[in-house]
């Protein structure tokens, strides 16, 4: 089953930065970036529960992987 990541709107650019670091081979930096926004990003099975917890920072982005 696919996992779901729900991220607040504020976290989207930071997530993009993390992907950029990962693509450049800097896994440590990518992980540090993700940890810095851990309160704004949640991996979950139910997007509705994630959306409720993150609703203070709309919009919600959903990434399946």
PDB file of N, CA and C in Angstrom:
ATOM      1  N   UNK A   1       0.845  -1.197   0.000  1.00  0.00           N
ATOM      2  CA  UNK A   1       0.000   0.000   0.000  1.00  0.00           C
ATOM      3  C   UNK A   1       0.879   1.246   0.000  1.00  0.00           C
ATOM      4  N   UNK A   2       0.451   2.239  -0.761  1.00  0.00           N
ATOM      5  CA  UNK A   2       1.183   3.496  -0.781  1.00  0.00           C
ATOM      6  C   UNK A   2       1.073   4.181   0.568  1.00  0.00           C
ATOM      7  N   UNK A   3       2.146   4.869   0.924  1.00  0.00           N
ATOM      8  CA  UNK A   3       2.086   5.711   2.110  1.00  0.00           C
ATOM      9  C   UNK A   3       1.656   7.105   1.665  1.00  0.00           C
ATOM     10  N   UNK A   4       1.181   7.870   2.603  1.00  0.00           N
ATOM     11  CA  UNK A   4       0.721   9.224   2.314  1.00  0.00           C
ATOM     12  C   UNK A   4       1.548  10.196   3.151  1.00  0.00           C
ATOM     13  N   UNK A   5       2.018  11.251   2.514  1.00  0.00           N
ATOM     14  CA  UNK A   5       2.634  12.352   3.251  1.00  0.00           C
ATOM     15  C   UNK A   5       1.705  13.549   3.120  1.00  0.00           C
ATOM     16  N   UNK A   6       1.321  14.128   4.219  1.00  0.00           N
ATOM     17  CA  UNK A   6       0.556  15.370   4.198  1.00  0.00           C
ATOM     18  C   UNK A   6       1.465  16.479   4.703  1.00  0.00           C
ATOM     19  N   UNK A   7       1.538  17.562   3.959  1.00  0.00           N
ATOM     20  CA  UNK A   7       2.420  18.659   4.335  1.00  0.00           C
ATOM     21  C   UNK A   7       1.653  19.962   4.304  1.00  0.00           C
ATOM     22  N   UNK A   8       1.948  20.823   5.239  1.00  0.00           N
ATOM     23  CA  UNK A   8       1.320  22.135   5.232  1.00  0.00           C
ATOM     24  C   UNK A   8       1.873  22.953   4.076  1.00  0.00           C
ATOM     25  N   UNK A   9       1.138  23.988   3.707  1.00  0.00           N
ATOM     26  CA  UNK A   9       1.593  24.859   2.637  1.00  0.00           C
ATOM     27  C   UNK A   9       2.969  25.439   2.914  1.00  0.00           C
ATOM     28  N   UNK A  10       3.227  25.823   4.159  1.00  0.00           N
ATOM     29  CA  UNK A  10       4.507  26.415   4.523  1.00  0.00           C
ATOM     30  C   UNK A  10       5.651  25.428   4.325  1.00  0.00           C
ATOM     31  N   UNK A  11       5.348  24.140   4.425  1.00  0.00           N
ATOM     32  CA  UNK A  11       6.401  23.133   4.333  1.00  0.00           C
ATOM     33  C   UNK A  11       6.780  22.790   2.902  1.00  0.00           C
ATOM     34  N   UNK A  12       5.982  23.190   1.923  1.00  0.00           N
ATOM     35  CA  UNK A  12       6.202  22.717   0.557  1.00  0.00           C
ATOM     36  C   UNK A  12       7.553  23.130  -0.003  1.00  0.00           C
ATOM     37  N   UNK A  13       7.938  24.390   0.169  1.00  0.00           N
ATOM     38  CA  UNK A  13       9.220  24.845  -0.363  1.00  0.00           C
ATOM     39  C   UNK A  13      10.368  24.153   0.357  1.00  0.00           C
ATOM     40  N   UNK A  14      10.216  23.949   1.649  1.00  0.00           N
ATOM     41  CA  UNK A  14      11.263  23.277   2.415  1.00  0.00           C
ATOM     42  C   UNK A  14      11.395  21.834   1.952  1.00  0.00           C
ATOM     43  N   UNK A  15      10.273  21.180   1.665  1.00  0.00           N
ATOM     44  CA  UNK A  15      10.325  19.826   1.119  1.00  0.00           C
ATOM     45  C   UNK A  15      11.042  19.815  -0.223  1.00  0.00           C
ATOM     46  N   UNK A  16      10.776  20.811  -1.049  1.00  0.00           N
ATOM     47  CA  UNK A  16      11.455  20.895  -2.342  1.00  0.00           C
ATOM     48  C   UNK A  16      12.957  21.041  -2.146  1.00  0.00           C
ATOM     49  N   UNK A  17      13.368  21.823  -1.173  1.00  0.00           N
ATOM     50  CA  UNK A  17      14.792  21.970  -0.872  1.00  0.00           C
ATOM     51  C   UNK A  17      15.400  20.643  -0.455  1.00  0.00           C
ATOM     52  N   UNK A  18      14.651  19.870   0.313  1.00  0.00           N
ATOM     53  CA  UNK A  18      15.142  18.566   0.751  1.00  0.00           C
ATOM     54  C   UNK A  18      15.339  17.635  -0.435  1.00  0.00           C
ATOM     55  N   UNK A  19      14.378  17.635  -1.353  1.00  0.00           N
ATOM     56  CA  UNK A  19      14.508  16.803  -2.553  1.00  0.00           C
ATOM     57  C   UNK A  19      15.728  17.230  -3.353  1.00  0.00           C
ATOM     58  N   UNK A  20      15.943  18.536  -3.452  1.00  0.00           N
ATOM     59  CA  UNK A  20      17.120  19.034  -4.164  1.00  0.00           C
ATOM     60  C   UNK A  20      18.407  18.547  -3.533  1.00  0.00           C
ATOM     61  N   UNK A  21      18.487  18.593  -2.213  1.00  0.00           N
ATOM     62  CA  UNK A  21      19.680  18.112  -1.514  1.00  0.00           C
ATOM     63  C   UNK A  21      19.871  16.619  -1.744  1.00  0.00           C
ATOM     64  N   UNK A  22      18.777  15.874  -1.697  1.00  0.00           N
ATOM     65  CA  UNK A  22      18.843  14.425  -1.912  1.00  0.00           C
ATOM     66  C   UNK A  22      19.348  14.122  -3.319  1.00  0.00           C
ATOM     67  N   UNK A  23      18.839  14.855  -4.320  1.00  0.00           N
ATOM     68  CA  UNK A  23      19.259  14.634  -5.702  1.00  0.00           C
ATOM     69  C   UNK A  23      20.730  14.971  -5.900  1.00  0.00           C
ATOM     70  N   UNK A  24      21.252  15.892  -5.102  1.00  0.00           N
ATOM     71  CA  UNK A  24      22.669  16.240  -5.185  1.00  0.00           C
ATOM     72  C   UNK A  24      23.539  15.258  -4.408  1.00  0.00           C
ATOM     73  N   UNK A  25      22.917  14.294  -3.761  1.00  0.00           N
ATOM     74  CA  UNK A  25      23.661  13.272  -3.040  1.00  0.00           C
ATOM     75  C   UNK A  25      23.921  13.601  -1.586  1.00  0.00           C
ATOM     76  N   UNK A  26      23.384  14.715  -1.107  1.00  0.00           N
ATOM     77  CA  UNK A  26      23.605  15.111   0.289  1.00  0.00           C
ATOM     78  C   UNK A  26      22.446  14.607   1.138  1.00  0.00           C
ATOM     79  N   UNK A  27      22.493  13.314   1.452  1.00  0.00           N
ATOM     80  CA  UNK A  27      21.396  12.684   2.185  1.00  0.00           C
ATOM     81  C   UNK A  27      21.286  13.256   3.596  1.00  0.00           C
ATOM     82  N   UNK A  28      22.417  13.525   4.220  1.00  0.00           N
ATOM     83  CA  UNK A  28      22.402  14.081   5.576  1.00  0.00           C
ATOM     84  C   UNK A  28      21.670  15.419   5.599  1.00  0.00           C
ATOM     85  N   UNK A  29      21.992  16.279   4.638  1.00  0.00           N
ATOM     86  CA  UNK A  29      21.332  17.586   4.566  1.00  0.00           C
ATOM     87  C   UNK A  29      19.837  17.421   4.313  1.00  0.00           C
ATOM     88  N   UNK A  30      19.479  16.493   3.421  1.00  0.00           N
ATOM     89  CA  UNK A  30      18.063  16.252   3.138  1.00  0.00           C
ATOM     90  C   UNK A  30      17.331  15.834   4.403  1.00  0.00           C
ATOM     91  N   UNK A  31      17.929  14.940   5.175  1.00  0.00           N
ATOM     92  CA  UNK A  31      17.306  14.485   6.417  1.00  0.00           C
ATOM     93  C   UNK A  31      17.192  15.616   7.429  1.00  0.00           C
ATOM     94  N   UNK A  32      18.216  16.465   7.513  1.00  0.00           N
ATOM     95  CA  UNK A  32      18.167  17.603   8.431  1.00  0.00           C
ATOM     96  C   UNK A  32      17.018  18.542   8.068  1.00  0.00           C
ATOM     97  N   UNK A  33      16.827  18.760   6.774  1.00  0.00           N
ATOM     98  CA  UNK A  33      15.747  19.646   6.337  1.00  0.00           C
ATOM     99  C   UNK A  33      14.399  19.060   6.732  1.00  0.00           C
ATOM    100  N   UNK A  34      14.222  17.767   6.483  1.00  0.00           N
ATOM    101  CA  UNK A  34      12.959  17.115   6.835  1.00  0.00           C
ATOM    102  C   UNK A  34      12.718  17.191   8.340  1.00  0.00           C
ATOM    103  N   UNK A  35      13.765  16.940   9.139  1.00  0.00           N
ATOM    104  CA  UNK A  35      13.601  17.001  10.591  1.00  0.00           C
ATOM    105  C   UNK A  35      13.206  18.399  11.049  1.00  0.00           C
ATOM    106  N   UNK A  36      13.688  19.419  10.349  1.00  0.00           N
ATOM    107  CA  UNK A  36      13.392  20.795  10.760  1.00  0.00           C
ATOM    108  C   UNK A  36      11.924  21.152  10.574  1.00  0.00           C
ATOM    109  N   UNK A  37      11.210  20.395   9.754  1.00  0.00           N
ATOM    110  CA  UNK A  37       9.790  20.674   9.540  1.00  0.00           C
ATOM    111  C   UNK A  37       8.927  19.493   9.945  1.00  0.00           C
ATOM    112  N   UNK A  38       9.445  18.679  10.834  1.00  0.00           N
ATOM    113  CA  UNK A  38       8.712  17.463  11.201  1.00  0.00           C
ATOM    114  C   UNK A  38       7.330  17.768  11.771  1.00  0.00           C
ATOM    115  N   UNK A  39       7.166  18.923  12.385  1.00  0.00           N
ATOM    116  CA  UNK A  39       5.846  19.257  12.929  1.00  0.00           C
ATOM    117  C   UNK A  39       4.854  19.651  11.835  1.00  0.00           C
ATOM    118  N   UNK A  40       5.352  19.902  10.626  1.00  0.00           N
ATOM    119  CA  UNK A  40       4.487  20.319   9.528  1.00  0.00           C
ATOM    120  C   UNK A  40       4.270  19.219   8.502  1.00  0.00           C
ATOM    121  N   UNK A  41       4.945  18.096   8.695  1.00  0.00           N
ATOM    122  CA  UNK A  41       4.855  16.998   7.742  1.00  0.00           C
ATOM    123  C   UNK A  41       4.504  15.743   8.507  1.00  0.00           C
ATOM    124  N   UNK A  42       3.626  14.966   7.959  1.00  0.00           N
ATOM    125  CA  UNK A  42       3.193  13.762   8.651  1.00  0.00           C
ATOM    126  C   UNK A  42       3.015  12.633   7.644  1.00  0.00           C
ATOM    127  N   UNK A  43       3.565  11.479   7.973  1.00  0.00           N
ATOM    128  CA  UNK A  43       3.317  10.281   7.176  1.00  0.00           C
ATOM    129  C   UNK A  43       2.190   9.524   7.854  1.00  0.00           C
ATOM    130  N   UNK A  44       1.176   9.172   7.096  1.00  0.00           N
ATOM    131  CA  UNK A  44       0.006   8.576   7.711  1.00  0.00           C
ATOM    132  C   UNK A  44      -0.694   7.650   6.730  1.00  0.00           C
ATOM    133  N   UNK A  45      -1.635   6.907   7.234  1.00  0.00           N
ATOM    134  CA  UNK A  45      -2.435   6.017   6.405  1.00  0.00           C
ATOM    135  C   UNK A  45      -3.738   6.675   5.964  1.00  0.00           C
ATOM    136  N   UNK A  46      -4.189   7.666   6.703  1.00  0.00           N
ATOM    137  CA  UNK A  46      -5.496   8.274   6.452  1.00  0.00           C
ATOM    138  C   UNK A  46      -5.333   9.778   6.241  1.00  0.00           C
ATOM    139  N   UNK A  47      -5.485  10.232   5.014  1.00  0.00           N
ATOM    140  CA  UNK A  47      -5.260  11.643   4.710  1.00  0.00           C
ATOM    141  C   UNK A  47      -6.222  12.550   5.459  1.00  0.00           C
ATOM    142  N   UNK A  48      -7.408  12.082   5.771  1.00  0.00           N
ATOM    143  CA  UNK A  48      -8.364  12.945   6.466  1.00  0.00           C
ATOM    144  C   UNK A  48      -7.877  13.275   7.870  1.00  0.00           C
ATOM    145  N   UNK A  49      -7.306  12.301   8.559  1.00  0.00           N
ATOM    146  CA  UNK A  49      -6.748  12.570   9.884  1.00  0.00           C
ATOM    147  C   UNK A  49      -5.574  13.529   9.795  1.00  0.00           C
ATOM    148  N   UNK A  50      -4.715  13.348   8.794  1.00  0.00           N
ATOM    149  CA  UNK A  50      -3.592  14.265   8.611  1.00  0.00           C
ATOM    150  C   UNK A  50      -4.098  15.677   8.363  1.00  0.00           C
ATOM    151  N   UNK A  51      -5.092  15.797   7.495  1.00  0.00           N
ATOM    152  CA  UNK A  51      -5.600  17.120   7.142  1.00  0.00           C
ATOM    153  C   UNK A  51      -6.153  17.835   8.366  1.00  0.00           C
ATOM    154  N   UNK A  52      -6.821  17.111   9.228  1.00  0.00           N
ATOM    155  CA  UNK A  52      -7.363  17.717  10.446  1.00  0.00           C
ATOM    156  C   UNK A  52      -6.227  18.236  11.326  1.00  0.00           C
ATOM    157  N   UNK A  53      -5.176  17.446  11.485  1.00  0.00           N
ATOM    158  CA  UNK A  53      -4.073  17.858  12.349  1.00  0.00           C
ATOM    159  C   UNK A  53      -3.274  19.010  11.757  1.00  0.00           C
ATOM    160  N   UNK A  54      -3.244  19.108  10.427  1.00  0.00           N
ATOM    161  CA  UNK A  54      -2.436  20.133   9.777  1.00  0.00           C
ATOM    162  C   UNK A  54      -3.262  21.323   9.296  1.00  0.00           C
ATOM    163  N   UNK A  55      -4.526  21.388   9.633  1.00  0.00           N
ATOM    164  CA  UNK A  55      -5.401  22.386   9.025  1.00  0.00           C
ATOM    165  C   UNK A  55      -5.033  23.827   9.359  1.00  0.00           C
ATOM    166  N   UNK A  56      -4.192  24.043  10.342  1.00  0.00           N
ATOM    167  CA  UNK A  56      -3.772  25.404  10.642  1.00  0.00           C
ATOM    168  C   UNK A  56      -2.874  26.016   9.587  1.00  0.00           C
ATOM    169  N   UNK A  57      -2.334  25.218   8.689  1.00  0.00           N
ATOM    170  CA  UNK A  57      -1.427  25.706   7.653  1.00  0.00           C
ATOM    171  C   UNK A  57      -1.881  25.258   6.271  1.00  0.00           C
ATOM    172  N   UNK A  58      -3.035  25.673   5.798  1.00  0.00           N
ATOM    173  CA  UNK A  58      -3.468  25.253   4.471  1.00  0.00           C
ATOM    174  C   UNK A  58      -2.601  25.903   3.388  1.00  0.00           C
ATOM    175  N   UNK A  59      -2.530  25.392   2.170  1.00  0.00           N
ATOM    176  CA  UNK A  59      -3.250  24.185   1.759  1.00  0.00           C
ATOM    177  C   UNK A  59      -2.491  22.918   2.132  1.00  0.00           C
ATOM    178  N   UNK A  60      -3.171  21.813   2.092  1.00  0.00           N
ATOM    179  CA  UNK A  60      -2.548  20.526   2.361  1.00  0.00           C
ATOM    180  C   UNK A  60      -2.046  19.955   1.040  1.00  0.00           C
ATOM    181  N   UNK A  61      -0.820  19.518   1.023  1.00  0.00           N
ATOM    182  CA  UNK A  61      -0.287  18.820  -0.145  1.00  0.00           C
ATOM    183  C   UNK A  61      -0.240  17.344   0.183  1.00  0.00           C
ATOM    184  N   UNK A  62      -0.578  16.524  -0.765  1.00  0.00           N
ATOM    185  CA  UNK A  62      -0.575  15.087  -0.545  1.00  0.00           C
ATOM    186  C   UNK A  62       0.372  14.451  -1.548  1.00  0.00           C
ATOM    187  N   UNK A  63       1.302  13.672  -1.054  1.00  0.00           N
ATOM    188  CA  UNK A  63       2.274  12.999  -1.903  1.00  0.00           C
ATOM    189  C   UNK A  63       2.189  11.513  -1.612  1.00  0.00           C
ATOM    190  N   UNK A  64       1.913  10.724  -2.624  1.00  0.00           N
ATOM    191  CA  UNK A  64       1.869   9.270  -2.458  1.00  0.00           C
ATOM    192  C   UNK A  64       3.206   8.699  -2.899  1.00  0.00           C
ATOM    193  N   UNK A  65       3.705   7.727  -2.154  1.00  0.00           N
ATOM    194  CA  UNK A  65       4.947   7.069  -2.576  1.00  0.00           C
ATOM    195  C   UNK A  65       4.935   5.628  -2.157  1.00  0.00           C
TER     196      UNK A  65
END
